[in-house]
Amino acid sequence: MGAKIKIRDKEYPCRQTMGALLRYKRETGQDISKLESSDASGMVIFLWCCVASASKADGVEFNLSLEEFADCCEIETLNSFTEQMAKEAESKKKVKAKPSQK
């Protein structure tokens, strides 16, 4: 199932999904590729999208609005999410950079 985050003393699944990308575009009007890790509000929106999408996929009830979610989201939670995204992006770069073996 992947990572979980705790909001209002309840754990929710949190992962990047195609649904999260669609939600982000719908909420912001921008493609996720434009999101910079220094954009705190954009990162909160994307985190909310990841939780909403993963919860939907896993059949977990999640009915916090974006603003309710942001009100309850700790800075440490956002920082962990941002760090995890950076690690995933770096590992993808390393995989792409490896020469193919024949």
PDB file of N, CA and C in Angstrom:
ATOM      1  N   MET A   1       0.812  -1.200   0.000  1.00  0.00           N
ATOM      2  CA  MET A   1       0.000   0.000   0.000  1.00  0.00           C
ATOM      3  C   MET A   1       0.849   1.254   0.000  1.00  0.00           C
ATOM      4  N   GLY A   2       2.000   1.270   0.612  1.00  0.00           N
ATOM      5  CA  GLY A   2       2.859   2.435   0.552  1.00  0.00           C
ATOM      6  C   GLY A   2       2.839   3.262   1.822  1.00  0.00           C
ATOM      7  N   ALA A   3       3.231   4.521   1.668  1.00  0.00           N
ATOM      8  CA  ALA A   3       3.371   5.426   2.806  1.00  0.00           C
ATOM      9  C   ALA A   3       2.015   5.810   3.383  1.00  0.00           C
ATOM     10  N   LYS A   4       2.055   6.228   4.629  1.00  0.00           N
ATOM     11  CA  LYS A   4       0.858   6.713   5.314  1.00  0.00           C
ATOM     12  C   LYS A   4       1.212   8.027   5.979  1.00  0.00           C
ATOM     13  N   ILE A   5       0.207   8.883   6.107  1.00  0.00           N
ATOM     14  CA  ILE A   5       0.400  10.100   6.878  1.00  0.00           C
ATOM     15  C   ILE A   5      -0.724  10.197   7.897  1.00  0.00           C
ATOM     16  N   LYS A   6      -0.455  10.916   8.972  1.00  0.00           N
ATOM     17  CA  LYS A   6      -1.429  11.052  10.044  1.00  0.00           C
ATOM     18  C   LYS A   6      -1.985  12.472  10.037  1.00  0.00           C
ATOM     19  N   ILE A   7      -3.303  12.550   9.930  1.00  0.00           N
ATOM     20  CA  ILE A   7      -4.011  13.823   9.974  1.00  0.00           C
ATOM     21  C   ILE A   7      -5.171  13.648  10.952  1.00  0.00           C
ATOM     22  N   ARG A   8      -5.294  14.560  11.918  1.00  0.00           N
ATOM     23  CA  ARG A   8      -6.358  14.477  12.929  1.00  0.00           C
ATOM     24  C   ARG A   8      -6.388  13.101  13.592  1.00  0.00           C
ATOM     25  N   ASP A   9      -5.230  12.603  13.969  1.00  0.00           N
ATOM     26  CA  ASP A   9      -5.089  11.314  14.660  1.00  0.00           C
ATOM     27  C   ASP A   9      -5.593  10.116  13.864  1.00  0.00           C
ATOM     28  N   LYS A  10      -5.691  10.253  12.549  1.00  0.00           N
ATOM     29  CA  LYS A  10      -6.082   9.129  11.705  1.00  0.00           C
ATOM     30  C   LYS A  10      -5.039   8.970  10.606  1.00  0.00           C
ATOM     31  N   GLU A  11      -4.661   7.715  10.332  1.00  0.00           N
ATOM     32  CA  GLU A  11      -3.693   7.454   9.269  1.00  0.00           C
ATOM     33  C   GLU A  11      -4.412   7.279   7.937  1.00  0.00           C
ATOM     34  N   TYR A  12      -3.813   7.882   6.915  1.00  0.00           N
ATOM     35  CA  TYR A  12      -4.327   7.776   5.556  1.00  0.00           C
ATOM     36  C   TYR A  12      -3.203   7.302   4.638  1.00  0.00           C
ATOM     37  N   PRO A  13      -3.556   6.542   3.596  1.00  0.00           N
ATOM     38  CA  PRO A  13      -2.536   6.170   2.612  1.00  0.00           C
ATOM     39  C   PRO A  13      -2.112   7.406   1.825  1.00  0.00           C
ATOM     40  N   CYS A  14      -0.877   7.422   1.404  1.00  0.00           N
ATOM     41  CA  CYS A  14      -0.362   8.565   0.651  1.00  0.00           C
ATOM     42  C   CYS A  14       0.649   8.068  -0.367  1.00  0.00           C
ATOM     43  N   ARG A  15       0.315   8.230  -1.638  1.00  0.00           N
ATOM     44  CA  ARG A  15       1.253   7.871  -2.699  1.00  0.00           C
ATOM     45  C   ARG A  15       0.861   8.626  -3.962  1.00  0.00           C
ATOM     46  N   GLN A  16       1.847   8.746  -4.824  1.00  0.00           N
ATOM     47  CA  GLN A  16       1.605   9.421  -6.096  1.00  0.00           C
ATOM     48  C   GLN A  16       0.902   8.451  -7.037  1.00  0.00           C
ATOM     49  N   THR A  17      -0.237   8.874  -7.545  1.00  0.00           N
ATOM     50  CA  THR A  17      -1.020   8.064  -8.470  1.00  0.00           C
ATOM     51  C   THR A  17      -1.407   8.930  -9.667  1.00  0.00           C
ATOM     52  N   MET A  18      -1.915   8.286 -10.682  1.00  0.00           N
ATOM     53  CA  MET A  18      -2.406   9.048 -11.831  1.00  0.00           C
ATOM     54  C   MET A  18      -3.583   9.930 -11.400  1.00  0.00           C
ATOM     55  N   GLY A  19      -4.401   9.430 -10.488  1.00  0.00           N
ATOM     56  CA  GLY A  19      -5.511  10.222  -9.964  1.00  0.00           C
ATOM     57  C   GLY A  19      -5.023  11.475  -9.253  1.00  0.00           C
ATOM     58  N   ALA A  20      -3.912  11.365  -8.532  1.00  0.00           N
ATOM     59  CA  ALA A  20      -3.345  12.530  -7.849  1.00  0.00           C
ATOM     60  C   ALA A  20      -2.900  13.579  -8.868  1.00  0.00           C
ATOM     61  N   LEU A  21      -2.300  13.122  -9.963  1.00  0.00           N
ATOM     62  CA  LEU A  21      -1.866  14.060 -11.006  1.00  0.00           C
ATOM     63  C   LEU A  21      -3.061  14.763 -11.631  1.00  0.00           C
ATOM     64  N   LEU A  22      -4.133  14.017 -11.873  1.00  0.00           N
ATOM     65  CA  LEU A  22      -5.346  14.617 -12.431  1.00  0.00           C
ATOM     66  C   LEU A  22      -5.968  15.620 -11.458  1.00  0.00           C
ATOM     67  N   ARG A  23      -6.033  15.243 -10.188  1.00  0.00           N
ATOM     68  CA  ARG A  23      -6.591  16.151  -9.181  1.00  0.00           C
ATOM     69  C   ARG A  23      -5.771  17.437  -9.095  1.00  0.00           C
ATOM     70  N   TYR A  24      -4.448  17.302  -9.114  1.00  0.00           N
ATOM     71  CA  TYR A  24      -3.583  18.476  -9.024  1.00  0.00           C
ATOM     72  C   TYR A  24      -3.856  19.423 -10.193  1.00  0.00           C
ATOM     73  N   LYS A  25      -3.943  18.879 -11.393  1.00  0.00           N
ATOM     74  CA  LYS A  25      -4.197  19.717 -12.578  1.00  0.00           C
ATOM     75  C   LYS A  25      -5.566  20.388 -12.466  1.00  0.00           C
ATOM     76  N   ARG A  26      -6.549  19.648 -11.981  1.00  0.00           N
ATOM     77  CA  ARG A  26      -7.893  20.206 -11.831  1.00  0.00           C
ATOM     78  C   ARG A  26      -7.901  21.320 -10.782  1.00  0.00           C
ATOM     79  N   GLU A  27      -7.179  21.130  -9.693  1.00  0.00           N
ATOM     80  CA  GLU A  27      -7.144  22.132  -8.614  1.00  0.00           C
ATOM     81  C   GLU A  27      -6.366  23.382  -8.991  1.00  0.00           C
ATOM     82  N   THR A  28      -5.254  23.214  -9.698  1.00  0.00           N
ATOM     83  CA  THR A  28      -4.351  24.341  -9.951  1.00  0.00           C
ATOM     84  C   THR A  28      -4.372  24.854 -11.383  1.00  0.00           C
ATOM     85  N   GLY A  29      -4.818  24.019 -12.302  1.00  0.00           N
ATOM     86  CA  GLY A  29      -4.758  24.384 -13.719  1.00  0.00           C
ATOM     87  C   GLY A  29      -3.374  24.196 -14.309  1.00  0.00           C
ATOM     88  N   GLN A  30      -2.448  23.674 -13.510  1.00  0.00           N
ATOM     89  CA  GLN A  30      -1.071  23.477 -13.973  1.00  0.00           C
ATOM     90  C   GLN A  30      -0.702  21.999 -13.959  1.00  0.00           C
ATOM     91  N   ASP A  31       0.199  21.644 -14.832  1.00  0.00           N
ATOM     92  CA  ASP A  31       0.733  20.286 -14.856  1.00  0.00           C
ATOM     93  C   ASP A  31       1.693  20.114 -13.690  1.00  0.00           C
ATOM     94  N   ILE A  32       1.757  18.906 -13.160  1.00  0.00           N
ATOM     95  CA  ILE A  32       2.622  18.616 -12.007  1.00  0.00           C
ATOM     96  C   ILE A  32       4.093  18.896 -12.316  1.00  0.00           C
ATOM     97  N   SER A  33       4.480  18.828 -13.578  1.00  0.00           N
ATOM     98  CA  SER A  33       5.880  19.075 -13.936  1.00  0.00           C
ATOM     99  C   SER A  33       6.304  20.515 -13.649  1.00  0.00           C
ATOM    100  N   LYS A  34       5.347  21.404 -13.460  1.00  0.00           N
ATOM    101  CA  LYS A  34       5.640  22.806 -13.149  1.00  0.00           C
ATOM    102  C   LYS A  34       5.832  23.044 -11.649  1.00  0.00           C
ATOM    103  N   LEU A  35       5.502  22.042 -10.822  1.00  0.00           N
ATOM    104  CA  LEU A  35       5.578  22.197  -9.375  1.00  0.00           C
ATOM    105  C   LEU A  35       7.028  22.197  -8.897  1.00  0.00           C
ATOM    106  N   GLU A  36       7.393  23.214  -8.160  1.00  0.00           N
ATOM    107  CA  GLU A  36       8.732  23.327  -7.566  1.00  0.00           C
ATOM    108  C   GLU A  36       8.645  22.975  -6.087  1.00  0.00           C
ATOM    109  N   SER A  37       9.658  22.317  -5.568  1.00  0.00           N
ATOM    110  CA  SER A  37       9.637  21.917  -4.157  1.00  0.00           C
ATOM    111  C   SER A  37       9.625  23.130  -3.218  1.00  0.00           C
ATOM    112  N   SER A  38      10.003  24.288  -3.701  1.00  0.00           N
ATOM    113  CA  SER A  38       9.982  25.499  -2.876  1.00  0.00           C
ATOM    114  C   SER A  38       8.589  26.130  -2.809  1.00  0.00           C
ATOM    115  N   ASP A  39       7.637  25.631  -3.589  1.00  0.00           N
ATOM    116  CA  ASP A  39       6.267  26.149  -3.617  1.00  0.00           C
ATOM    117  C   ASP A  39       5.446  25.422  -2.554  1.00  0.00           C
ATOM    118  N   ALA A  40       5.437  25.972  -1.338  1.00  0.00           N
ATOM    119  CA  ALA A  40       4.784  25.293  -0.213  1.00  0.00           C
ATOM    120  C   ALA A  40       3.297  25.077  -0.458  1.00  0.00           C
ATOM    121  N   SER A  41       2.598  26.069  -0.965  1.00  0.00           N
ATOM    122  CA  SER A  41       1.158  25.884  -1.170  1.00  0.00           C
ATOM    123  C   SER A  41       0.901  24.843  -2.254  1.00  0.00           C
ATOM    124  N   GLY A  42       1.700  24.842  -3.300  1.00  0.00           N
ATOM    125  CA  GLY A  42       1.571  23.829  -4.343  1.00  0.00           C
ATOM    126  C   GLY A  42       1.853  22.437  -3.808  1.00  0.00           C
ATOM    127  N   MET A  43       2.830  22.320  -2.927  1.00  0.00           N
ATOM    128  CA  MET A  43       3.163  21.024  -2.345  1.00  0.00           C
ATOM    129  C   MET A  43       2.037  20.529  -1.430  1.00  0.00           C
ATOM    130  N   VAL A  44       1.404  21.443  -0.684  1.00  0.00           N
ATOM    131  CA  VAL A  44       0.277  21.052   0.164  1.00  0.00           C
ATOM    132  C   VAL A  44      -0.873  20.552  -0.714  1.00  0.00           C
ATOM    133  N   ILE A  45      -1.123  21.257  -1.814  1.00  0.00           N
ATOM    134  CA  ILE A  45      -2.181  20.825  -2.730  1.00  0.00           C
ATOM    135  C   ILE A  45      -1.863  19.437  -3.282  1.00  0.00           C
ATOM    136  N   PHE A  46      -0.611  19.221  -3.702  1.00  0.00           N
ATOM    137  CA  PHE A  46      -0.249  17.924  -4.254  1.00  0.00           C
ATOM    138  C   PHE A  46      -0.320  16.831  -3.188  1.00  0.00           C
ATOM    139  N   LEU A  47       0.104  17.118  -1.982  1.00  0.00           N
ATOM    140  CA  LEU A  47       0.009  16.150  -0.890  1.00  0.00           C
ATOM    141  C   LEU A  47      -1.453  15.769  -0.670  1.00  0.00           C
ATOM    142  N   TRP A  48      -2.340  16.754  -0.629  1.00  0.00           N
ATOM    143  CA  TRP A  48      -3.778  16.497  -0.476  1.00  0.00           C
ATOM    144  C   TRP A  48      -4.282  15.616  -1.620  1.00  0.00           C
ATOM    145  N   CYS A  49      -3.852  15.919  -2.833  1.00  0.00           N
ATOM    146  CA  CYS A  49      -4.246  15.119  -3.993  1.00  0.00           C
ATOM    147  C   CYS A  49      -3.770  13.673  -3.853  1.00  0.00           C
ATOM    148  N   CYS A  50      -2.540  13.481  -3.375  1.00  0.00           N
ATOM    149  CA  CYS A  50      -1.991  12.135  -3.196  1.00  0.00           C
ATOM    150  C   CYS A  50      -2.761  11.356  -2.136  1.00  0.00           C
ATOM    151  N   VAL A  51      -3.112  12.010  -1.045  1.00  0.00           N
ATOM    152  CA  VAL A  51      -3.873  11.351   0.011  1.00  0.00           C
ATOM    153  C   VAL A  51      -5.291  11.046  -0.464  1.00  0.00           C
ATOM    154  N   ALA A  52      -5.939  12.010  -1.116  1.00  0.00           N
ATOM    155  CA  ALA A  52      -7.305  11.805  -1.606  1.00  0.00           C
ATOM    156  C   ALA A  52      -7.354  10.653  -2.608  1.00  0.00           C
ATOM    157  N   SER A  53      -6.405  10.627  -3.525  1.00  0.00           N
ATOM    158  CA  SER A  53      -6.392   9.597  -4.556  1.00  0.00           C
ATOM    159  C   SER A  53      -6.069   8.217  -3.983  1.00  0.00           C
ATOM    160  N   ALA A  54      -5.047   8.131  -3.145  1.00  0.00           N
ATOM    161  CA  ALA A  54      -4.677   6.844  -2.550  1.00  0.00           C
ATOM    162  C   ALA A  54      -5.797   6.322  -1.651  1.00  0.00           C
ATOM    163  N   SER A  55      -6.452   7.222  -0.932  1.00  0.00           N
ATOM    164  CA  SER A  55      -7.566   6.814  -0.077  1.00  0.00           C
ATOM    165  C   SER A  55      -8.706   6.262  -0.916  1.00  0.00           C
ATOM    166  N   LYS A  56      -9.023   6.946  -1.991  1.00  0.00           N
ATOM    167  CA  LYS A  56     -10.084   6.479  -2.891  1.00  0.00           C
ATOM    168  C   LYS A  56      -9.735   5.094  -3.448  1.00  0.00           C
ATOM    169  N   ALA A  57      -8.498   4.941  -3.909  1.00  0.00           N
ATOM    170  CA  ALA A  57      -8.059   3.671  -4.493  1.00  0.00           C
ATOM    171  C   ALA A  57      -8.105   2.529  -3.473  1.00  0.00           C
ATOM    172  N   ASP A  58      -7.811   2.839  -2.212  1.00  0.00           N
ATOM    173  CA  ASP A  58      -7.746   1.808  -1.171  1.00  0.00           C
ATOM    174  C   ASP A  58      -9.067   1.631  -0.425  1.00  0.00           C
ATOM    175  N   GLY A  59     -10.080   2.404  -0.783  1.00  0.00           N
ATOM    176  CA  GLY A  59     -11.375   2.299  -0.115  1.00  0.00           C
ATOM    177  C   GLY A  59     -11.384   2.876   1.291  1.00  0.00           C
ATOM    178  N   VAL A  60     -10.521   3.868   1.534  1.00  0.00           N
ATOM    179  CA  VAL A  60     -10.440   4.527   2.837  1.00  0.00           C
ATOM    180  C   VAL A  60     -11.215   5.848   2.749  1.00  0.00           C
ATOM    181  N   GLU A  61     -12.112   6.053   3.705  1.00  0.00           N
ATOM    182  CA  GLU A  61     -12.892   7.291   3.694  1.00  0.00           C
ATOM    183  C   GLU A  61     -11.981   8.490   3.963  1.00  0.00           C
ATOM    184  N   PHE A  62     -12.039   9.464   3.081  1.00  0.00           N
ATOM    185  CA  PHE A  62     -11.262  10.701   3.214  1.00  0.00           C
ATOM    186  C   PHE A  62     -12.150  11.828   2.722  1.00  0.00           C
ATOM    187  N   ASN A  63     -12.644  12.622   3.645  1.00  0.00           N
ATOM    188  CA  ASN A  63     -13.553  13.679   3.237  1.00  0.00           C
ATOM    189  C   ASN A  63     -13.143  15.057   3.743  1.00  0.00           C
ATOM    190  N   LEU A  64     -11.836  15.260   3.900  1.00  0.00           N
ATOM    191  CA  LEU A  64     -11.347  16.586   4.282  1.00  0.00           C
ATOM    192  C   LEU A  64     -11.213  17.450   3.031  1.00  0.00           C
ATOM    193  N   SER A  65     -11.731  18.652   3.117  1.00  0.00           N
ATOM    194  CA  SER A  65     -11.511  19.597   2.020  1.00  0.00           C
ATOM    195  C   SER A  65     -10.035  19.968   2.006  1.00  0.00           C
ATOM    196  N   LEU A  66      -9.608  20.586   0.935  1.00  0.00           N
ATOM    197  CA  LEU A  66      -8.214  21.025   0.835  1.00  0.00           C
ATOM    198  C   LEU A  66      -7.860  21.945   1.996  1.00  0.00           C
ATOM    199  N   GLU A  67      -8.734  22.881   2.299  1.00  0.00           N
ATOM    200  CA  GLU A  67      -8.444  23.826   3.380  1.00  0.00           C
ATOM    201  C   GLU A  67      -8.418  23.136   4.746  1.00  0.00           C
ATOM    202  N   GLU A  68      -9.346  22.213   5.005  1.00  0.00           N
ATOM    203  CA  GLU A  68      -9.338  21.468   6.267  1.00  0.00           C
ATOM    204  C   GLU A  68      -8.051  20.654   6.389  1.00  0.00           C
ATOM    205  N   PHE A  69      -7.664  20.028   5.278  1.00  0.00           N
ATOM    206  CA  PHE A  69      -6.435  19.249   5.251  1.00  0.00           C
ATOM    207  C   PHE A  69      -5.238  20.137   5.566  1.00  0.00           C
ATOM    208  N   ALA A  70      -5.158  21.285   4.906  1.00  0.00           N
ATOM    209  CA  ALA A  70      -4.033  22.209   5.117  1.00  0.00           C
ATOM    210  C   ALA A  70      -3.996  22.702   6.563  1.00  0.00           C
ATOM    211  N   ASP A  71      -5.149  22.948   7.151  1.00  0.00           N
ATOM    212  CA  ASP A  71      -5.203  23.405   8.543  1.00  0.00           C
ATOM    213  C   ASP A  71      -4.635  22.370   9.502  1.00  0.00           C
ATOM    214  N   CYS A  72      -4.766  21.103   9.153  1.00  0.00           N
ATOM    215  CA  CYS A  72      -4.337  20.014  10.033  1.00  0.00           C
ATOM    216  C   CYS A  72      -2.966  19.446   9.673  1.00  0.00           C
ATOM    217  N   CYS A  73      -2.423  19.855   8.558  1.00  0.00           N
ATOM    218  CA  CYS A  73      -1.159  19.302   8.076  1.00  0.00           C
ATOM    219  C   CYS A  73       0.017  19.988   8.765  1.00  0.00           C
ATOM    220  N   GLU A  74       0.823  19.203   9.442  1.00  0.00           N
ATOM    221  CA  GLU A  74       1.995  19.733  10.140  1.00  0.00           C
ATOM    222  C   GLU A  74       3.118  20.026   9.134  1.00  0.00           C
ATOM    223  N   ILE A  75       3.940  20.987   9.442  1.00  0.00           N
ATOM    224  CA  ILE A  75       5.084  21.332   8.587  1.00  0.00           C
ATOM    225  C   ILE A  75       5.986  20.115   8.395  1.00  0.00           C
ATOM    226  N   GLU A  76       6.180  19.315   9.459  1.00  0.00           N
ATOM    227  CA  GLU A  76       7.031  18.133   9.370  1.00  0.00           C
ATOM    228  C   GLU A  76       6.485  17.132   8.349  1.00  0.00           C
ATOM    229  N   THR A  77       5.156  17.018   8.285  1.00  0.00           N
ATOM    230  CA  THR A  77       4.535  16.113   7.324  1.00  0.00           C
ATOM    231  C   THR A  77       4.832  16.573   5.907  1.00  0.00           C
ATOM    232  N   LEU A  78       4.687  17.863   5.672  1.00  0.00           N
ATOM    233  CA  LEU A  78       4.973  18.419   4.350  1.00  0.00           C
ATOM    234  C   LEU A  78       6.448  18.260   4.005  1.00  0.00           C
ATOM    235  N   ASN A  79       7.330  18.518   4.967  1.00  0.00           N
ATOM    236  CA  ASN A  79       8.767  18.373   4.721  1.00  0.00           C
ATOM    237  C   ASN A  79       9.130  16.931   4.377  1.00  0.00           C
ATOM    238  N   SER A  80       8.552  15.964   5.092  1.00  0.00           N
ATOM    239  CA  SER A  80       8.817  14.551   4.801  1.00  0.00           C
ATOM    240  C   SER A  80       8.355  14.196   3.395  1.00  0.00           C
ATOM    241  N   PHE A  81       7.179  14.681   3.030  1.00  0.00           N
ATOM    242  CA  PHE A  81       6.633  14.420   1.698  1.00  0.00           C
ATOM    243  C   PHE A  81       7.541  15.022   0.623  1.00  0.00           C
ATOM    244  N   THR A  82       7.979  16.251   0.826  1.00  0.00           N
ATOM    245  CA  THR A  82       8.859  16.925  -0.125  1.00  0.00           C
ATOM    246  C   THR A  82      10.183  16.178  -0.266  1.00  0.00           C
ATOM    247  N   GLU A  83      10.745  15.742   0.857  1.00  0.00           N
ATOM    248  CA  GLU A  83      11.999  14.980   0.825  1.00  0.00           C
ATOM    249  C   GLU A  83      11.820  13.657   0.081  1.00  0.00           C
ATOM    250  N   GLN A  84      10.698  12.985   0.325  1.00  0.00           N
ATOM    251  CA  GLN A  84      10.433  11.715  -0.337  1.00  0.00           C
ATOM    252  C   GLN A  84      10.303  11.920  -1.849  1.00  0.00           C
ATOM    253  N   MET A  85       9.618  12.978  -2.247  1.00  0.00           N
ATOM    254  CA  MET A  85       9.487  13.282  -3.679  1.00  0.00           C
ATOM    255  C   MET A  85      10.848  13.529  -4.316  1.00  0.00           C
ATOM    256  N   ALA A  86      11.711  14.257  -3.607  1.00  0.00           N
ATOM    257  CA  ALA A  86      13.051  14.539  -4.126  1.00  0.00           C
ATOM    258  C   ALA A  86      13.859  13.250  -4.275  1.00  0.00           C
ATOM    259  N   LYS A  87      13.757  12.356  -3.302  1.00  0.00           N
ATOM    260  CA  LYS A  87      14.468  11.075  -3.376  1.00  0.00           C
ATOM    261  C   LYS A  87      13.974  10.248  -4.551  1.00  0.00           C
ATOM    262  N   GLU A  88      12.652  10.208  -4.742  1.00  0.00           N
ATOM    263  CA  GLU A  88      12.090   9.444  -5.857  1.00  0.00           C
ATOM    264  C   GLU A  88      12.539  10.021  -7.198  1.00  0.00           C
ATOM    265  N   ALA A  89      12.558  11.338  -7.307  1.00  0.00           N
ATOM    266  CA  ALA A  89      12.994  11.987  -8.545  1.00  0.00           C
ATOM    267  C   ALA A  89      14.461  11.679  -8.814  1.00  0.00           C
ATOM    268  N   GLU A  90      15.276  11.707  -7.776  1.00  0.00           N
ATOM    269  CA  GLU A  90      16.706  11.423  -7.922  1.00  0.00           C
ATOM    270  C   GLU A  90      16.929   9.973  -8.348  1.00  0.00           C
ATOM    271  N   SER A  91      16.198   9.045  -7.744  1.00  0.00           N
ATOM    272  CA  SER A  91      16.386   7.643  -8.113  1.00  0.00           C
ATOM    273  C   SER A  91      15.918   7.383  -9.540  1.00  0.00           C
ATOM    274  N   LYS A  92      14.897   8.082  -9.997  1.00  0.00           N
ATOM    275  CA  LYS A  92      14.446   7.945 -11.389  1.00  0.00           C
ATOM    276  C   LYS A  92      15.516   8.468 -12.344  1.00  0.00           C
ATOM    277  N   LYS A  93      16.167   9.564 -11.962  1.00  0.00           N
ATOM    278  CA  LYS A  93      17.246  10.110 -12.797  1.00  0.00           C
ATOM    279  C   LYS A  93      18.388   9.105 -12.913  1.00  0.00           C
ATOM    280  N   LYS A  94      18.717   8.452 -11.798  1.00  0.00           N
ATOM    281  CA  LYS A  94      19.810   7.476 -11.798  1.00  0.00           C
ATOM    282  C   LYS A  94      19.468   6.284 -12.676  1.00  0.00           C
ATOM    283  N   VAL A  95      18.223   5.839 -12.626  1.00  0.00           N
ATOM    284  CA  VAL A  95      17.801   4.704 -13.451  1.00  0.00           C
ATOM    285  C   VAL A  95      17.890   5.069 -14.925  1.00  0.00           C
ATOM    286  N   LYS A  96      17.460   6.268 -15.285  1.00  0.00           N
ATOM    287  CA  LYS A  96      17.510   6.717 -16.676  1.00  0.00           C
ATOM    288  C   LYS A  96      18.947   6.902 -17.149  1.00  0.00           C
ATOM    289  N   ALA A  97      19.834   7.279 -16.232  1.00  0.00           N
ATOM    290  CA  ALA A  97      21.219   7.562 -16.613  1.00  0.00           C
ATOM    291  C   ALA A  97      22.049   6.299 -16.821  1.00  0.00           C
ATOM    292  N   LYS A  98      21.611   5.174 -16.276  1.00  0.00           N
ATOM    293  CA  LYS A  98      22.371   3.929 -16.423  1.00  0.00           C
ATOM    294  C   LYS A  98      22.325   3.469 -17.875  1.00  0.00           C
ATOM    295  N   PRO A  99      23.487   3.117 -18.432  1.00  0.00           N
ATOM    296  CA  PRO A  99      23.493   2.598 -19.795  1.00  0.00           C
ATOM    297  C   PRO A  99      22.827   1.225 -19.832  1.00  0.00           C
ATOM    298  N   SER A 100      22.131   0.949 -20.901  1.00  0.00           N
ATOM    299  CA  SER A 100      21.480  -0.349 -21.012  1.00  0.00           C
ATOM    300  C   SER A 100      22.522  -1.436 -21.191  1.00  0.00           C
ATOM    301  N   GLN A 101      22.268  -2.573 -20.582  1.00  0.00           N
ATOM    302  CA  GLN A 101      23.214  -3.680 -20.668  1.00  0.00           C
ATOM    303  C   GLN A 101      22.693  -4.693 -21.665  1.00  0.00           C
ATOM    304  N   LYS A 102      23.560  -5.129 -22.548  1.00  0.00           N
ATOM    305  CA  LYS A 102      23.159  -6.101 -23.567  1.00  0.00           C
ATOM    306  C   LYS A 102      23.970  -7.350 -23.442  1.00  0.00           C
TER     307      LYS A 102
END
